[in-house]
Amino acid sequence: MSPRPTPSPRLLMLSTVVLALAGTALLCLPHGRQSPTPVAAPPAAAVTARPPIFVPSTDRTPTADGAASPTSEAPTPSAVESALPPHGEGAAGDRAVQRNLETAWPADLPAPDERELLSASRALLRADATGAGRTRWPGVFRDTGQAVAPAFATTGFRIQAAIARRDGSPNRAVVHLVWAGTDRGGTFTDRRITDWPFTRTIKKGTATWTPLPRI
């Protein structure tokens, strides 16, 4: 039996090149149409419009769920009036009148100054209304040397409430007094209002409150 012939190197090289070209051609053939990659949508937060800024109106009325407007919290004149006792109630209602004054004008004077002002103004108002004790303040009452018929009777005269507050300056004050009395005609009226001004002078380190004539 004769031996098989050995392939030449040239033939082997040609076969290798053919196989390489065939493999490359197979790799380049398309394997079906591919769909394009979908583009991701932007996040919802990136395209959502900014919510409108709500500014409540100052004249809103209460809503259906009971939420009240800002102005509904402010006391009305009728509410303030209802906080006061009825006319003619007597001394039993004086505490409510005092509380109403203190609420309307918060304290702004030292306690010793307020006590001094209240004590002086009470005596001043009594002297002014009834004529009793006017000689104590000749600088306030110009008619201290004359006989003056009192405008109000001493009987039934009552100071219902009083507060002392600054009057635009640390050296000026005013006392708000609410009082009741019977005039010469026999008519009783309560919740009368009188304001009495004072000025403060300092001598040798001592402060003194001096009443001024009422305008």
Protein backbone atom coordinates (compact mmCIF):
# COMPACT_ATOMS: atom_id res chain seq x y z
CA MET A 1 0.00 0.00 0.00
CA SER A 2 1.50 3.34 -1.11
CA PRO A 3 1.66 6.29 1.38
CA ARG A 4 -0.89 9.18 1.11
CA PRO A 5 0.52 12.37 -0.43
CA THR A 6 1.28 15.24 1.99
CA PRO A 7 -0.68 18.52 1.16
CA SER A 8 1.54 21.32 0.11
CA PRO A 9 2.01 24.36 2.42
CA ARG A 10 0.46 26.63 -0.24
CA LEU A 11 -2.76 24.62 -0.23
CA LEU A 12 -2.96 24.76 3.55
CA MET A 13 -2.54 28.51 3.53
CA LEU A 14 -5.23 28.98 0.90
CA SER A 15 -7.66 26.85 2.92
CA THR A 16 -7.02 28.89 6.02
CA VAL A 17 -7.70 32.16 4.20
CA VAL A 18 -10.95 30.81 2.73
CA LEU A 19 -12.21 29.66 6.12
CA ALA A 20 -11.35 33.04 7.70
CA LEU A 21 -13.26 34.94 4.98
CA ALA A 22 -16.25 32.65 5.35
CA GLY A 23 -16.36 33.22 9.13
CA THR A 24 -16.16 36.99 8.70
CA ALA A 25 -19.00 36.94 6.19
CA LEU A 26 -21.20 34.97 8.58
CA LEU A 27 -20.57 37.46 11.40
CA CYS A 28 -21.55 40.42 9.19
CA LEU A 29 -24.93 38.95 8.19
CA PRO A 30 -27.96 40.64 10.10
CA HIS A 31 -29.78 38.46 12.62
CA GLY A 32 -33.19 40.18 12.34
CA ARG A 33 -34.26 43.84 12.63
CA GLN A 34 -33.78 45.24 16.11
CA SER A 35 -36.08 47.90 17.54
CA PRO A 36 -34.46 51.14 18.63
CA THR A 37 -33.79 51.59 22.33
CA PRO A 38 -36.64 53.63 23.82
CA VAL A 39 -35.70 57.03 25.20
CA ALA A 40 -36.52 57.26 28.88
CA ALA A 41 -39.20 59.83 29.70
CA PRO A 42 -38.19 62.65 32.04
CA PRO A 43 -39.22 62.25 35.67
CA ALA A 44 -42.66 63.55 36.48
CA ALA A 45 -41.23 65.99 39.03
CA ALA A 46 -39.18 67.65 36.31
CA VAL A 47 -42.20 68.64 34.24
CA THR A 48 -44.73 69.36 37.00
CA ALA A 49 -45.55 73.05 37.24
CA ARG A 50 -44.97 74.84 40.58
CA PRO A 51 -48.13 75.04 42.70
CA PRO A 52 -49.57 78.53 43.03
CA ILE A 53 -48.81 80.45 46.22
CA PHE A 54 -51.99 80.99 48.20
CA VAL A 55 -52.28 84.42 49.83
CA PRO A 56 -55.29 84.58 52.16
CA SER A 57 -57.45 87.66 51.85
CA THR A 58 -57.87 89.87 54.89
CA ASP A 59 -61.62 90.08 54.36
CA ARG A 60 -62.39 86.38 54.00
CA THR A 61 -65.50 85.01 55.58
CA PRO A 62 -65.55 81.70 57.48
CA THR A 63 -65.41 78.68 55.18
CA ALA A 64 -67.79 75.73 55.13
CA ASP A 65 -65.45 73.60 57.27
CA GLY A 66 -65.44 76.19 60.02
CA ALA A 67 -62.06 77.78 59.32
CA ALA A 68 -62.31 81.41 60.29
CA SER A 69 -60.69 84.28 58.48
CA PRO A 70 -57.97 86.39 60.20
CA THR A 71 -60.33 89.30 60.70
CA SER A 72 -62.88 87.10 62.43
CA GLU A 73 -60.54 86.85 65.43
CA ALA A 74 -60.60 90.61 66.09
CA PRO A 75 -63.16 91.72 68.66
CA THR A 76 -66.02 93.74 67.30
CA PRO A 77 -67.40 96.85 69.05
CA SER A 78 -70.49 94.87 70.05
CA ALA A 79 -68.28 92.20 71.63
CA VAL A 80 -66.39 94.83 73.63
CA GLU A 81 -69.66 96.40 74.70
CA SER A 82 -71.01 93.03 75.83
CA ALA A 83 -67.96 92.61 78.07
CA LEU A 84 -69.06 95.65 80.11
CA PRO A 85 -71.75 95.40 82.76
CA PRO A 86 -75.13 96.98 82.01
CA HIS A 87 -75.69 100.57 83.06
CA GLY A 88 -76.96 100.94 86.60
CA GLU A 89 -75.63 97.61 87.85
CA GLY A 90 -73.82 99.33 90.74
CA ALA A 91 -70.51 98.51 92.40
CA ALA A 92 -70.86 94.84 91.40
CA GLY A 93 -69.95 95.72 87.83
CA ASP A 94 -66.95 97.93 88.63
CA ARG A 95 -64.50 95.03 88.44
CA ALA A 96 -65.50 94.34 84.84
CA VAL A 97 -65.03 98.01 83.95
CA GLN A 98 -61.55 97.97 85.53
CA ARG A 99 -60.62 94.82 83.65
CA ASN A 100 -61.81 96.35 80.38
CA LEU A 101 -59.61 99.42 80.92
CA GLU A 102 -56.54 97.35 81.72
CA THR A 103 -57.08 95.25 78.60
CA ALA A 104 -57.47 98.29 76.36
CA TRP A 105 -54.31 100.01 77.67
CA PRO A 106 -51.54 97.68 78.91
CA ALA A 107 -49.49 98.99 81.82
CA ASP A 108 -46.37 101.00 80.93
CA LEU A 109 -45.48 102.80 84.18
CA PRO A 110 -43.58 101.59 87.25
CA ALA A 111 -45.96 100.39 89.95
CA PRO A 112 -44.99 103.13 92.49
CA ASP A 113 -45.63 105.86 89.90
CA GLU A 114 -49.00 104.37 88.97
CA ARG A 115 -50.09 104.17 92.60
CA GLU A 116 -49.14 107.82 93.18
CA LEU A 117 -50.98 108.96 90.06
CA LEU A 118 -54.11 106.97 90.86
CA SER A 119 -54.30 108.25 94.43
CA ALA A 120 -53.94 111.89 93.35
CA SER A 121 -56.33 111.64 90.41
CA ARG A 122 -59.10 110.04 92.48
CA ALA A 123 -58.96 112.91 94.96
CA LEU A 124 -58.78 115.43 92.12
CA LEU A 125 -61.84 114.03 90.38
CA ARG A 126 -63.87 114.03 93.59
CA ALA A 127 -62.91 117.65 94.24
CA ASP A 128 -63.74 118.62 90.67
CA ALA A 129 -67.14 116.91 90.64
CA THR A 130 -68.35 117.65 94.15
CA GLY A 131 -66.34 120.78 95.01
CA ALA A 132 -64.98 119.21 98.19
CA GLY A 133 -61.23 119.69 98.79
CA ARG A 134 -60.40 122.02 95.92
CA THR A 135 -58.18 124.18 98.11
CA ARG A 136 -55.64 121.36 98.13
CA TRP A 137 -54.75 122.12 94.49
CA PRO A 138 -54.78 125.90 93.91
CA GLY A 139 -52.76 125.45 90.73
CA VAL A 140 -55.47 123.23 89.25
CA PHE A 141 -58.67 124.89 90.46
CA ARG A 142 -58.60 128.64 89.87
CA ASP A 143 -61.79 129.27 91.85
CA THR A 144 -60.65 127.89 95.20
CA GLY A 145 -61.44 131.21 96.92
CA GLN A 146 -64.99 131.37 95.60
CA ALA A 147 -68.15 129.56 96.59
CA VAL A 148 -68.88 127.16 93.78
CA ALA A 149 -72.03 125.10 93.56
CA PRO A 150 -70.99 121.47 93.07
CA ALA A 151 -72.02 119.89 89.81
CA PHE A 152 -72.51 116.47 91.48
CA ALA A 153 -73.64 115.42 94.91
CA THR A 154 -71.17 113.78 97.25
CA THR A 155 -73.72 111.07 97.98
CA GLY A 156 -73.60 108.38 95.35
CA PHE A 157 -70.35 109.62 93.82
CA ARG A 158 -68.22 106.59 92.93
CA ILE A 159 -65.08 105.99 90.92
CA GLN A 160 -65.68 102.75 89.06
CA ALA A 161 -62.23 102.20 87.54
CA ALA A 162 -58.95 104.01 86.91
CA ILE A 163 -55.60 103.40 85.20
CA ALA A 164 -52.49 105.56 84.78
CA ARG A 165 -50.46 105.42 81.57
CA ARG A 166 -47.67 107.36 79.86
CA ASP A 167 -48.70 110.23 77.65
CA GLY A 168 -46.12 110.28 74.86
CA SER A 169 -43.16 110.97 77.16
CA PRO A 170 -41.60 109.44 80.30
CA ASN A 171 -42.29 112.74 82.07
CA ARG A 172 -45.95 112.95 81.11
CA ALA A 173 -48.83 110.71 82.13
CA VAL A 174 -52.61 110.61 81.93
CA VAL A 175 -55.07 108.93 84.26
CA HIS A 176 -58.22 107.47 82.70
CA LEU A 177 -61.09 107.46 85.19
CA VAL A 178 -64.56 105.95 84.88
CA TRP A 179 -67.02 107.15 87.47
CA ALA A 180 -70.67 107.52 88.46
CA GLY A 181 -72.60 110.32 90.11
CA THR A 182 -75.87 112.21 90.48
CA ASP A 183 -75.97 115.70 89.01
CA ARG A 184 -77.79 118.73 90.43
CA GLY A 185 -80.88 117.81 88.47
CA GLY A 186 -81.10 114.47 90.26
CA THR A 187 -80.08 112.37 87.27
CA PHE A 188 -77.75 109.48 88.04
CA THR A 189 -75.30 108.46 85.32
CA ASP A 190 -72.55 105.87 85.48
CA ARG A 191 -69.56 105.08 83.23
CA ARG A 192 -68.64 108.72 82.84
CA ILE A 193 -65.08 109.15 81.52
CA THR A 194 -62.52 111.75 82.63
CA ASP A 195 -58.85 111.99 81.64
CA TRP A 196 -56.49 113.83 83.99
CA PRO A 197 -53.01 114.89 82.79
CA PHE A 198 -49.87 114.93 84.94
CA THR A 199 -46.31 116.06 84.47
CA ARG A 200 -43.25 114.79 86.32
CA THR A 201 -40.54 117.02 87.78
CA ILE A 202 -37.30 115.82 89.35
CA LYS A 203 -35.76 117.85 92.17
CA LYS A 204 -32.66 116.65 94.03
CA GLY A 205 -33.12 113.18 92.64
CA THR A 206 -36.76 112.91 93.74
CA ALA A 207 -39.49 112.58 91.11
CA THR A 208 -42.85 114.22 91.75
CA TRP A 209 -46.00 113.97 89.67
CA THR A 210 -47.87 117.27 89.40
CA PRO A 211 -51.46 117.45 88.13
CA LEU A 212 -52.30 119.84 85.33
CA PRO A 213 -55.60 121.66 84.78
CA ARG A 214 -57.94 119.67 82.58
CA ILE A 215 -58.48 121.12 79.13
